Amino acid sequence: MKNQHISREDVLRDFSVEFDSSKNTLRKYLIEFPEYANELVDLSLELSREVDDSVPLTLDDQKSIESALDRFRIGLAQQSEIVDIPPQRFSNAAKLLDLPKQVLIAFGGRRVELASVPLHFLNRLAIVLQVTTAQLQAFLTLPPQMQSQRSYKSNVKPTAPSKVSFEKVLHDALIPEERIQKIMNKGE
């Protein structure tokens, strides 16, 4: 369950940029991500392959490189696209997902730890919020928002809220345990 949020692309990218590309590093990745074993071994072989720099690139090689760079640039642009999702969308999402408003308010206030949210739920929430999953992930990685509406006199300086796990947010909303398990395990 600890690896359910890490996509194949992320695992392969992380492996490809490892400083130490020894067999031990490969072994570590194979143990941690057995579902990507074939791809990791193929990538390891590809990375360890000797390249003769004196041989010029073919036209196909150049096109392939340009295509990969274009996909990389598009991916970076999408990831850096941070959207401001209006609070009303979170309120509507609560109705559409049949969840208490406080759960979606926690998402709107960016108080939910991104890593604790199952990818299937993130995808579903992104659709309901009318944003891409990458945009929602970028939004949730920002620091939690302070509630500006609450300005009471106090002797203590207000502190920024901290992020909590998605499961804790569901428990705090008094959602029954069996429904929480369905939500967490793609049953709902």
N, C-alpha and C. Protein backbone atom coordinates (compact mmCIF):
# COMPACT_ATOMS: atom_id res chain seq x y z
N MET A 1 0.82 -1.19 0.00
CA MET A 1 0.00 0.00 0.00
C MET A 1 0.87 1.26 0.00
N LYS A 2 2.10 1.13 0.46
CA LYS A 2 2.95 2.32 0.52
C LYS A 2 3.35 2.82 -0.85
N ASN A 3 3.31 1.96 -1.89
CA ASN A 3 3.74 2.35 -3.22
C ASN A 3 2.59 2.62 -4.17
N GLN A 4 1.35 2.61 -3.69
CA GLN A 4 0.23 2.74 -4.59
C GLN A 4 0.15 4.12 -5.23
N HIS A 5 0.85 5.08 -4.71
CA HIS A 5 0.78 6.44 -5.25
C HIS A 5 1.90 6.72 -6.24
N ILE A 6 2.81 5.81 -6.39
CA ILE A 6 3.96 6.07 -7.24
C ILE A 6 3.74 5.40 -8.59
N SER A 7 3.69 6.21 -9.64
CA SER A 7 3.43 5.67 -10.97
C SER A 7 4.69 5.01 -11.53
N ARG A 8 4.47 4.23 -12.56
CA ARG A 8 5.58 3.55 -13.23
C ARG A 8 6.58 4.58 -13.75
N GLU A 9 6.07 5.65 -14.34
CA GLU A 9 6.95 6.69 -14.89
C GLU A 9 7.81 7.32 -13.81
N ASP A 10 7.22 7.56 -12.64
CA ASP A 10 7.97 8.16 -11.53
C ASP A 10 9.06 7.22 -11.03
N VAL A 11 8.73 5.93 -10.93
CA VAL A 11 9.71 4.96 -10.46
C VAL A 11 10.87 4.87 -11.44
N LEU A 12 10.55 4.78 -12.73
CA LEU A 12 11.61 4.67 -13.75
C LEU A 12 12.45 5.94 -13.81
N ARG A 13 11.80 7.09 -13.67
CA ARG A 13 12.56 8.35 -13.68
C ARG A 13 13.49 8.41 -12.47
N ASP A 14 12.97 8.06 -11.30
CA ASP A 14 13.79 8.08 -10.09
C ASP A 14 14.98 7.14 -10.22
N PHE A 15 14.73 5.96 -10.78
CA PHE A 15 15.82 5.00 -10.96
C PHE A 15 16.86 5.54 -11.94
N SER A 16 16.40 6.17 -13.01
CA SER A 16 17.33 6.64 -14.04
C SER A 16 18.22 7.78 -13.56
N VAL A 17 17.79 8.51 -12.54
CA VAL A 17 18.62 9.62 -12.06
C VAL A 17 19.39 9.27 -10.79
N GLU A 18 19.33 8.02 -10.38
CA GLU A 18 20.11 7.59 -9.21
C GLU A 18 21.59 7.82 -9.47
N PHE A 19 22.28 8.36 -8.48
CA PHE A 19 23.72 8.60 -8.62
C PHE A 19 24.47 7.29 -8.72
N ASP A 20 24.08 6.34 -7.90
CA ASP A 20 24.73 5.03 -7.87
C ASP A 20 23.89 4.07 -8.70
N SER A 21 24.39 3.66 -9.85
CA SER A 21 23.62 2.76 -10.71
C SER A 21 24.12 1.32 -10.62
N SER A 22 24.55 0.93 -9.43
CA SER A 22 25.08 -0.42 -9.23
C SER A 22 23.95 -1.45 -9.13
N LYS A 23 24.36 -2.71 -9.04
CA LYS A 23 23.38 -3.80 -8.89
C LYS A 23 22.60 -3.65 -7.58
N ASN A 24 23.24 -3.10 -6.56
CA ASN A 24 22.56 -2.91 -5.28
C ASN A 24 21.39 -1.93 -5.42
N THR A 25 21.59 -0.88 -6.21
CA THR A 25 20.51 0.09 -6.43
C THR A 25 19.37 -0.58 -7.18
N LEU A 26 19.70 -1.35 -8.21
CA LEU A 26 18.68 -2.07 -8.96
C LEU A 26 17.93 -3.03 -8.03
N ARG A 27 18.66 -3.74 -7.21
CA ARG A 27 18.06 -4.70 -6.28
C ARG A 27 17.08 -3.97 -5.33
N LYS A 28 17.51 -2.81 -4.83
CA LYS A 28 16.66 -2.03 -3.93
C LYS A 28 15.34 -1.66 -4.61
N TYR A 29 15.41 -1.20 -5.87
CA TYR A 29 14.21 -0.83 -6.61
C TYR A 29 13.34 -2.05 -6.92
N LEU A 30 13.98 -3.18 -7.24
CA LEU A 30 13.22 -4.39 -7.53
C LEU A 30 12.47 -4.88 -6.30
N ILE A 31 13.08 -4.75 -5.14
CA ILE A 31 12.42 -5.17 -3.90
C ILE A 31 11.27 -4.22 -3.56
N GLU A 32 11.51 -2.92 -3.74
CA GLU A 32 10.49 -1.93 -3.38
C GLU A 32 9.35 -1.85 -4.39
N PHE A 33 9.67 -2.10 -5.68
CA PHE A 33 8.66 -1.98 -6.74
C PHE A 33 8.66 -3.24 -7.62
N PRO A 34 8.28 -4.38 -7.08
CA PRO A 34 8.33 -5.62 -7.87
C PRO A 34 7.38 -5.58 -9.08
N GLU A 35 6.35 -4.76 -9.01
CA GLU A 35 5.40 -4.68 -10.12
C GLU A 35 6.03 -4.07 -11.38
N TYR A 36 7.16 -3.39 -11.23
CA TYR A 36 7.85 -2.77 -12.37
C TYR A 36 9.18 -3.47 -12.66
N ALA A 37 9.32 -4.71 -12.25
CA ALA A 37 10.60 -5.42 -12.36
C ALA A 37 11.11 -5.47 -13.80
N ASN A 38 10.26 -5.86 -14.75
CA ASN A 38 10.71 -5.97 -16.15
C ASN A 38 11.20 -4.63 -16.68
N GLU A 39 10.44 -3.57 -16.41
CA GLU A 39 10.82 -2.25 -16.90
C GLU A 39 12.10 -1.76 -16.25
N LEU A 40 12.27 -2.04 -14.96
CA LEU A 40 13.50 -1.62 -14.26
C LEU A 40 14.73 -2.34 -14.81
N VAL A 41 14.60 -3.63 -15.07
CA VAL A 41 15.73 -4.39 -15.62
C VAL A 41 16.06 -3.88 -17.02
N ASP A 42 15.03 -3.65 -17.85
CA ASP A 42 15.27 -3.12 -19.19
C ASP A 42 15.95 -1.76 -19.13
N LEU A 43 15.47 -0.90 -18.24
CA LEU A 43 16.07 0.43 -18.11
C LEU A 43 17.51 0.32 -17.61
N SER A 44 17.76 -0.57 -16.68
CA SER A 44 19.12 -0.76 -16.16
C SER A 44 20.07 -1.18 -17.28
N LEU A 45 19.61 -2.11 -18.11
CA LEU A 45 20.44 -2.56 -19.24
C LEU A 45 20.67 -1.42 -20.22
N GLU A 46 19.62 -0.65 -20.47
CA GLU A 46 19.75 0.47 -21.40
C GLU A 46 20.71 1.53 -20.87
N LEU A 47 20.65 1.80 -19.58
CA LEU A 47 21.52 2.81 -18.99
C LEU A 47 22.98 2.36 -18.93
N SER A 48 23.19 1.06 -18.82
CA SER A 48 24.57 0.56 -18.72
C SER A 48 25.20 0.29 -20.09
N ARG A 49 24.41 0.43 -21.14
CA ARG A 49 24.89 0.18 -22.50
C ARG A 49 25.93 1.23 -22.88
N GLU A 50 26.98 0.78 -23.50
CA GLU A 50 28.03 1.69 -23.96
C GLU A 50 27.57 2.40 -25.23
N VAL A 51 27.81 3.69 -25.31
CA VAL A 51 27.43 4.47 -26.48
C VAL A 51 28.69 5.03 -27.11
N ASP A 52 28.79 4.85 -28.41
CA ASP A 52 29.94 5.35 -29.15
C ASP A 52 29.64 6.77 -29.60
N ASP A 53 30.28 7.75 -28.97
CA ASP A 53 30.02 9.16 -29.28
C ASP A 53 30.55 9.59 -30.64
N SER A 54 31.41 8.78 -31.23
CA SER A 54 31.98 9.16 -32.53
C SER A 54 31.00 8.87 -33.68
N VAL A 55 29.99 8.04 -33.44
CA VAL A 55 29.00 7.73 -34.47
C VAL A 55 27.93 8.80 -34.44
N PRO A 56 27.69 9.48 -35.57
CA PRO A 56 26.66 10.53 -35.58
C PRO A 56 25.26 9.94 -35.43
N LEU A 57 24.36 10.75 -34.89
CA LEU A 57 22.98 10.33 -34.71
C LEU A 57 22.28 10.23 -36.07
N THR A 58 21.43 9.23 -36.19
CA THR A 58 20.65 9.10 -37.41
C THR A 58 19.48 10.09 -37.35
N LEU A 59 18.80 10.25 -38.46
CA LEU A 59 17.63 11.13 -38.50
C LEU A 59 16.54 10.62 -37.57
N ASP A 60 16.37 9.30 -37.51
CA ASP A 60 15.39 8.70 -36.59
C ASP A 60 15.76 8.97 -35.14
N ASP A 61 17.06 8.88 -34.81
CA ASP A 61 17.52 9.16 -33.45
C ASP A 61 17.19 10.61 -33.07
N GLN A 62 17.46 11.53 -33.98
CA GLN A 62 17.21 12.94 -33.71
C GLN A 62 15.72 13.21 -33.52
N LYS A 63 14.88 12.58 -34.36
CA LYS A 63 13.43 12.75 -34.22
C LYS A 63 12.95 12.17 -32.88
N SER A 64 13.50 11.03 -32.53
CA SER A 64 13.12 10.40 -31.26
C SER A 64 13.50 11.28 -30.07
N ILE A 65 14.68 11.86 -30.13
CA ILE A 65 15.14 12.75 -29.06
C ILE A 65 14.26 13.99 -28.98
N GLU A 66 13.95 14.59 -30.12
CA GLU A 66 13.10 15.78 -30.14
C GLU A 66 11.70 15.46 -29.61
N SER A 67 11.17 14.31 -29.99
CA SER A 67 9.85 13.91 -29.51
C SER A 67 9.85 13.73 -27.99
N ALA A 68 10.89 13.08 -27.48
CA ALA A 68 10.98 12.87 -26.02
C ALA A 68 11.12 14.20 -25.30
N LEU A 69 11.91 15.12 -25.85
CA LEU A 69 12.07 16.44 -25.23
C LEU A 69 10.75 17.21 -25.24
N ASP A 70 10.01 17.11 -26.34
CA ASP A 70 8.71 17.78 -26.40
C ASP A 70 7.76 17.24 -25.34
N ARG A 71 7.71 15.90 -25.19
CA ARG A 71 6.85 15.30 -24.17
C ARG A 71 7.29 15.74 -22.78
N PHE A 72 8.60 15.81 -22.56
CA PHE A 72 9.13 16.24 -21.27
C PHE A 72 8.73 17.69 -20.98
N ARG A 73 8.87 18.56 -21.98
CA ARG A 73 8.51 19.98 -21.79
C ARG A 73 7.02 20.14 -21.52
N ILE A 74 6.19 19.38 -22.23
CA ILE A 74 4.74 19.45 -22.02
C ILE A 74 4.40 18.98 -20.61
N GLY A 75 5.05 17.89 -20.18
CA GLY A 75 4.83 17.38 -18.83
C GLY A 75 5.22 18.39 -17.77
N LEU A 76 6.35 19.07 -17.97
CA LEU A 76 6.78 20.10 -17.01
C LEU A 76 5.79 21.25 -16.97
N ALA A 77 5.31 21.65 -18.14
CA ALA A 77 4.37 22.77 -18.20
C ALA A 77 3.08 22.40 -17.48
N GLN A 78 2.61 21.16 -17.65
CA GLN A 78 1.38 20.75 -16.98
C GLN A 78 1.58 20.68 -15.48
N GLN A 79 2.74 20.20 -15.05
CA GLN A 79 2.99 20.09 -13.62
C GLN A 79 3.11 21.45 -12.97
N SER A 80 3.67 22.42 -13.69
CA SER A 80 3.85 23.74 -13.09
C SER A 80 2.57 24.57 -13.14
N GLU A 81 1.55 24.05 -13.82
CA GLU A 81 0.27 24.73 -13.90
C GLU A 81 -0.47 24.57 -12.59
N ILE A 82 -0.34 25.53 -11.72
CA ILE A 82 -1.05 25.46 -10.45
C ILE A 82 -2.32 26.29 -10.59
N VAL A 83 -3.43 25.65 -10.37
CA VAL A 83 -4.70 26.34 -10.51
C VAL A 83 -5.24 26.70 -9.14
N ASP A 84 -6.03 27.73 -9.13
CA ASP A 84 -6.72 28.12 -7.91
C ASP A 84 -8.13 27.58 -8.05
N ILE A 85 -8.45 26.58 -7.26
CA ILE A 85 -9.75 25.93 -7.36
C ILE A 85 -10.72 26.66 -6.42
N PRO A 86 -11.80 27.22 -6.98
CA PRO A 86 -12.75 27.97 -6.14
C PRO A 86 -13.39 27.08 -5.07
N PRO A 87 -13.62 27.63 -3.88
CA PRO A 87 -14.23 26.86 -2.80
C PRO A 87 -15.58 26.25 -3.17
N GLN A 88 -16.34 26.93 -4.04
CA GLN A 88 -17.65 26.42 -4.45
C GLN A 88 -17.53 25.05 -5.11
N ARG A 89 -16.45 24.82 -5.85
CA ARG A 89 -16.26 23.52 -6.50
C ARG A 89 -16.09 22.41 -5.47
N PHE A 90 -15.40 22.72 -4.38
CA PHE A 90 -15.23 21.72 -3.32
C PHE A 90 -16.57 21.42 -2.65
N SER A 91 -17.37 22.44 -2.49
CA SER A 91 -18.70 22.26 -1.91
C SER A 91 -19.55 21.37 -2.81
N ASN A 92 -19.52 21.62 -4.12
CA ASN A 92 -20.25 20.80 -5.07
C ASN A 92 -19.70 19.38 -5.10
N ALA A 93 -18.40 19.26 -4.97
CA ALA A 93 -17.77 17.93 -4.99
C ALA A 93 -18.24 17.10 -3.81
N ALA A 94 -18.47 17.73 -2.68
CA ALA A 94 -18.96 16.99 -1.51
C ALA A 94 -20.30 16.33 -1.83
N LYS A 95 -21.15 17.06 -2.52
CA LYS A 95 -22.46 16.49 -2.90
C LYS A 95 -22.28 15.36 -3.90
N LEU A 96 -21.47 15.60 -4.93
CA LEU A 96 -21.30 14.61 -6.00
C LEU A 96 -20.61 13.33 -5.51
N LEU A 97 -19.70 13.47 -4.56
CA LEU A 97 -18.99 12.30 -4.04
C LEU A 97 -19.68 11.70 -2.82
N ASP A 98 -20.76 12.33 -2.40
CA ASP A 98 -21.52 11.88 -1.22
C ASP A 98 -20.62 11.77 0.00
N LEU A 99 -19.89 12.86 0.25
CA LEU A 99 -19.01 12.93 1.41
C LEU A 99 -19.37 14.18 2.21
N PRO A 100 -19.10 14.17 3.51
CA PRO A 100 -19.35 15.38 4.31
C PRO A 100 -18.51 16.56 3.80
N LYS A 101 -19.09 17.75 3.89
CA LYS A 101 -18.39 18.94 3.41
C LYS A 101 -17.03 19.13 4.07
N GLN A 102 -16.90 18.74 5.34
CA GLN A 102 -15.62 18.96 6.03
C GLN A 102 -14.47 18.20 5.37
N VAL A 103 -14.76 17.08 4.71
CA VAL A 103 -13.72 16.33 4.00
C VAL A 103 -13.20 17.15 2.83
N LEU A 104 -14.14 17.72 2.05
CA LEU A 104 -13.73 18.50 0.89
C LEU A 104 -13.19 19.87 1.28
N ILE A 105 -13.62 20.40 2.42
CA ILE A 105 -13.05 21.65 2.92
C ILE A 105 -11.58 21.43 3.27
N ALA A 106 -11.26 20.26 3.80
CA ALA A 106 -9.86 19.94 4.11
C ALA A 106 -9.03 19.92 2.82
N PHE A 107 -9.60 19.39 1.73
CA PHE A 107 -8.89 19.42 0.45
C PHE A 107 -8.75 20.85 -0.04
N GLY A 108 -9.83 21.63 0.06
CA GLY A 108 -9.79 23.02 -0.39
C GLY A 108 -8.80 23.86 0.40
N GLY A 109 -8.62 23.53 1.67
CA GLY A 109 -7.65 24.25 2.50
C GLY A 109 -6.25 23.65 2.40
N ARG A 110 -6.10 22.66 1.53
CA ARG A 110 -4.81 21.98 1.29
C ARG A 110 -4.25 21.40 2.59
N ARG A 111 -5.13 20.84 3.42
CA ARG A 111 -4.69 20.28 4.69
C ARG A 111 -4.57 18.76 4.64
N VAL A 112 -4.76 18.17 3.45
CA VAL A 112 -4.66 16.72 3.29
C VAL A 112 -3.30 16.39 2.69
N GLU A 113 -2.60 15.44 3.31
CA GLU A 113 -1.30 14.99 2.77
C GLU A 113 -1.54 14.29 1.45
N LEU A 114 -0.93 14.79 0.40
CA LEU A 114 -1.12 14.24 -0.93
C LEU A 114 -0.77 12.75 -0.98
N ALA A 115 0.32 12.36 -0.35
CA ALA A 115 0.78 10.98 -0.40
C ALA A 115 -0.20 10.01 0.25
N SER A 116 -1.11 10.50 1.08
CA SER A 116 -2.04 9.61 1.77
C SER A 116 -3.33 9.38 0.99
N VAL A 117 -3.49 10.07 -0.13
CA VAL A 117 -4.73 9.96 -0.90
C VAL A 117 -4.53 8.93 -2.01
N PRO A 118 -5.38 7.90 -2.07
CA PRO A 118 -5.25 6.91 -3.15
C PRO A 118 -5.42 7.57 -4.52
N LEU A 119 -4.64 7.11 -5.48
CA LEU A 119 -4.66 7.71 -6.81
C LEU A 119 -6.04 7.63 -7.45
N HIS A 120 -6.76 6.54 -7.25
CA HIS A 120 -8.09 6.41 -7.85
C HIS A 120 -9.03 7.49 -7.31
N PHE A 121 -8.89 7.85 -6.03
CA PHE A 121 -9.73 8.91 -5.46
C PHE A 121 -9.30 10.27 -6.00
N LEU A 122 -7.98 10.49 -6.12
CA LEU A 122 -7.49 11.76 -6.68
C LEU A 122 -8.02 11.96 -8.09
N ASN A 123 -7.98 10.90 -8.90
CA ASN A 123 -8.47 11.00 -10.28
C ASN A 123 -9.95 11.36 -10.30
N ARG A 124 -10.71 10.70 -9.45
CA ARG A 124 -12.16 10.96 -9.37
C ARG A 124 -12.44 12.39 -8.89
N LEU A 125 -11.70 12.83 -7.87
CA LEU A 125 -11.88 14.18 -7.36
C LEU A 125 -11.50 15.22 -8.41
N ALA A 126 -10.44 14.97 -9.14
CA ALA A 126 -10.02 15.91 -10.19
C ALA A 126 -11.11 16.07 -11.25
N ILE A 127 -11.73 14.97 -11.63
CA ILE A 127 -12.82 15.04 -12.62
C ILE A 127 -13.97 15.88 -12.08
N VAL A 128 -14.34 15.64 -10.83
CA VAL A 128 -15.45 16.38 -10.23
C VAL A 128 -15.11 17.87 -10.10
N LEU A 129 -13.84 18.17 -9.80
CA LEU A 129 -13.42 19.57 -9.64
C LEU A 129 -13.14 20.25 -10.98
N GLN A 130 -13.19 19.48 -12.07
CA GLN A 130 -12.95 19.99 -13.43
C GLN A 130 -11.52 20.50 -13.61
N VAL A 131 -10.56 19.73 -13.09
CA VAL A 131 -9.14 20.02 -13.27
C VAL A 131 -8.45 18.70 -13.62
N THR A 132 -7.20 18.78 -14.04
CA THR A 132 -6.46 17.55 -14.29
C THR A 132 -5.93 17.01 -12.97
N THR A 133 -5.58 15.74 -12.97
CA THR A 133 -5.01 15.15 -11.75
C THR A 133 -3.70 15.84 -11.41
N ALA A 134 -2.90 16.18 -12.42
CA ALA A 134 -1.63 16.87 -12.17
C ALA A 134 -1.87 18.24 -11.53
N GLN A 135 -2.91 18.94 -11.98
CA GLN A 135 -3.22 20.25 -11.40
C GLN A 135 -3.68 20.10 -9.95
N LEU A 136 -4.49 19.08 -9.69
CA LEU A 136 -4.95 18.85 -8.33
C LEU A 136 -3.78 18.48 -7.43
N GLN A 137 -2.88 17.64 -7.92
CA GLN A 137 -1.70 17.27 -7.14
C GLN A 137 -0.84 18.49 -6.85
N ALA A 138 -0.65 19.35 -7.86
CA ALA A 138 0.14 20.57 -7.65
C ALA A 138 -0.54 21.47 -6.62
N PHE A 139 -1.85 21.58 -6.68
CA PHE A 139 -2.61 22.38 -5.72
C PHE A 139 -2.42 21.85 -4.30
N LEU A 140 -2.49 20.52 -4.15
CA LEU A 140 -2.39 19.92 -2.82
C LEU A 140 -0.98 19.94 -2.25
N THR A 141 0.02 20.14 -3.10
CA THR A 141 1.40 20.20 -2.59
C THR A 141 1.73 21.58 -2.00
N LEU A 142 0.89 22.56 -2.28
CA LEU A 142 1.11 23.88 -1.70
C LEU A 142 0.88 23.83 -0.20
N PRO A 143 1.44 24.78 0.55
CA PRO A 143 1.23 24.79 2.00
C PRO A 143 -0.25 24.98 2.35
N PRO A 144 -0.66 24.47 3.51
CA PRO A 144 -2.06 24.63 3.92
C PRO A 144 -2.44 26.10 4.01
N GLN A 145 -3.70 26.38 3.72
CA GLN A 145 -4.19 27.76 3.78
C GLN A 145 -4.65 28.09 5.19
N MET A 146 -4.35 29.31 5.59
CA MET A 146 -4.87 29.81 6.87
C MET A 146 -6.30 30.27 6.64
N GLN A 147 -7.14 30.09 7.61
CA GLN A 147 -8.51 30.56 7.51
C GLN A 147 -8.54 32.04 7.84
N SER A 148 -8.66 32.88 6.79
CA SER A 148 -8.64 34.33 7.02
C SER A 148 -9.94 34.84 7.62
N GLN A 149 -11.03 34.07 7.47
CA GLN A 149 -12.30 34.52 8.02
C GLN A 149 -12.29 34.51 9.54
N ARG A 150 -11.46 33.69 10.13
CA ARG A 150 -11.43 33.55 11.59
C ARG A 150 -10.38 34.49 12.17
N SER A 151 -10.82 35.65 12.57
CA SER A 151 -9.89 36.58 13.19
C SER A 151 -10.46 36.99 14.54
N TYR A 152 -10.10 36.22 15.54
CA TYR A 152 -10.55 36.49 16.90
C TYR A 152 -9.40 37.11 17.68
N LYS A 153 -9.77 37.83 18.74
CA LYS A 153 -8.73 38.36 19.61
C LYS A 153 -8.13 37.20 20.39
N SER A 154 -6.82 37.21 20.45
CA SER A 154 -6.16 36.12 21.15
C SER A 154 -4.81 36.60 21.65
N ASN A 155 -4.35 35.99 22.72
CA ASN A 155 -3.02 36.31 23.23
C ASN A 155 -1.94 35.51 22.51
N VAL A 156 -2.37 34.52 21.74
CA VAL A 156 -1.44 33.64 21.04
C VAL A 156 -1.49 33.93 19.55
N LYS A 157 -0.32 34.02 18.94
CA LYS A 157 -0.26 34.25 17.51
C LYS A 157 -0.77 33.01 16.78
N PRO A 158 -1.61 33.21 15.76
CA PRO A 158 -2.13 32.04 15.04
C PRO A 158 -1.00 31.31 14.29
N THR A 159 -1.14 30.01 14.20
CA THR A 159 -0.15 29.20 13.48
C THR A 159 -0.81 28.57 12.27
N ALA A 160 0.01 28.25 11.29
CA ALA A 160 -0.51 27.62 10.08
C ALA A 160 -0.98 26.20 10.41
N PRO A 161 -2.08 25.80 9.80
CA PRO A 161 -2.55 24.43 10.04
C PRO A 161 -1.56 23.43 9.45
N SER A 162 -1.56 22.23 10.00
CA SER A 162 -0.66 21.21 9.47
C SER A 162 -1.46 20.24 8.62
N LYS A 163 -0.75 19.52 7.78
CA LYS A 163 -1.40 18.54 6.91
C LYS A 163 -1.62 17.25 7.68
N VAL A 164 -2.71 16.58 7.36
CA VAL A 164 -3.05 15.31 8.00
C VAL A 164 -3.36 14.28 6.91
N SER A 165 -3.40 13.02 7.30
CA SER A 165 -3.66 11.98 6.32
C SER A 165 -5.13 12.00 5.90
N PHE A 166 -5.36 11.52 4.70
CA PHE A 166 -6.72 11.45 4.16
C PHE A 166 -7.59 10.56 5.04
N GLU A 167 -7.03 9.47 5.51
CA GLU A 167 -7.79 8.55 6.35
C GLU A 167 -8.22 9.24 7.65
N LYS A 168 -7.35 10.07 8.22
CA LYS A 168 -7.70 10.80 9.45
C LYS A 168 -8.85 11.79 9.17
N VAL A 169 -8.79 12.44 8.04
CA VAL A 169 -9.87 13.37 7.67
C VAL A 169 -11.20 12.62 7.58
N LEU A 170 -11.16 11.43 6.99
CA LEU A 170 -12.38 10.62 6.88
C LEU A 170 -12.88 10.18 8.26
N HIS A 171 -11.94 9.77 9.13
CA HIS A 171 -12.32 9.37 10.50
C HIS A 171 -12.90 10.56 11.26
N ASP A 172 -12.26 11.73 11.14
CA ASP A 172 -12.74 12.93 11.83
C ASP A 172 -14.14 13.34 11.37
N ALA A 173 -14.48 12.99 10.13
CA ALA A 173 -15.81 13.31 9.60
C ALA A 173 -16.84 12.26 10.02
N LEU A 174 -16.42 11.32 10.87
CA LEU A 174 -17.29 10.27 11.41
C LEU A 174 -17.90 9.38 10.33
N ILE A 175 -17.13 9.11 9.30
CA ILE A 175 -17.55 8.19 8.25
C ILE A 175 -17.34 6.77 8.78
N PRO A 176 -18.31 5.87 8.57
CA PRO A 176 -18.17 4.50 9.07
C PRO A 176 -16.91 3.81 8.51
N GLU A 177 -16.31 2.97 9.33
CA GLU A 177 -15.05 2.32 8.99
C GLU A 177 -15.12 1.53 7.68
N GLU A 178 -16.22 0.82 7.45
CA GLU A 178 -16.31 0.02 6.22
C GLU A 178 -16.35 0.91 4.97
N ARG A 179 -16.96 2.09 5.07
CA ARG A 179 -16.96 3.02 3.93
C ARG A 179 -15.57 3.61 3.73
N ILE A 180 -14.88 3.90 4.82
CA ILE A 180 -13.50 4.41 4.70
C ILE A 180 -12.64 3.40 3.98
N GLN A 181 -12.78 2.12 4.33
CA GLN A 181 -11.98 1.09 3.67
C GLN A 181 -12.33 0.99 2.19
N LYS A 182 -13.62 1.13 1.85
CA LYS A 182 -14.02 1.11 0.45
C LYS A 182 -13.38 2.28 -0.31
N ILE A 183 -13.42 3.46 0.30
CA ILE A 183 -12.84 4.65 -0.34
C ILE A 183 -11.33 4.46 -0.52
N MET A 184 -10.67 3.96 0.49
CA MET A 184 -9.21 3.81 0.44
C MET A 184 -8.78 2.69 -0.51
N ASN A 185 -9.62 1.67 -0.67
CA ASN A 185 -9.23 0.50 -1.45
C ASN A 185 -9.92 0.42 -2.80
N LYS A 186 -10.36 1.52 -3.33
CA LYS A 186 -10.95 1.61 -4.66
C LYS A 186 -12.30 0.92 -4.77
N GLY A 187 -12.91 0.63 -3.66
CA GLY A 187 -14.21 0.00 -3.70
C GLY A 187 -15.33 1.00 -3.96
N GLU A 188 -15.01 2.30 -3.88
CA GLU A 188 -16.06 3.30 -4.06
C GLU A 188 -15.52 4.41 -4.93
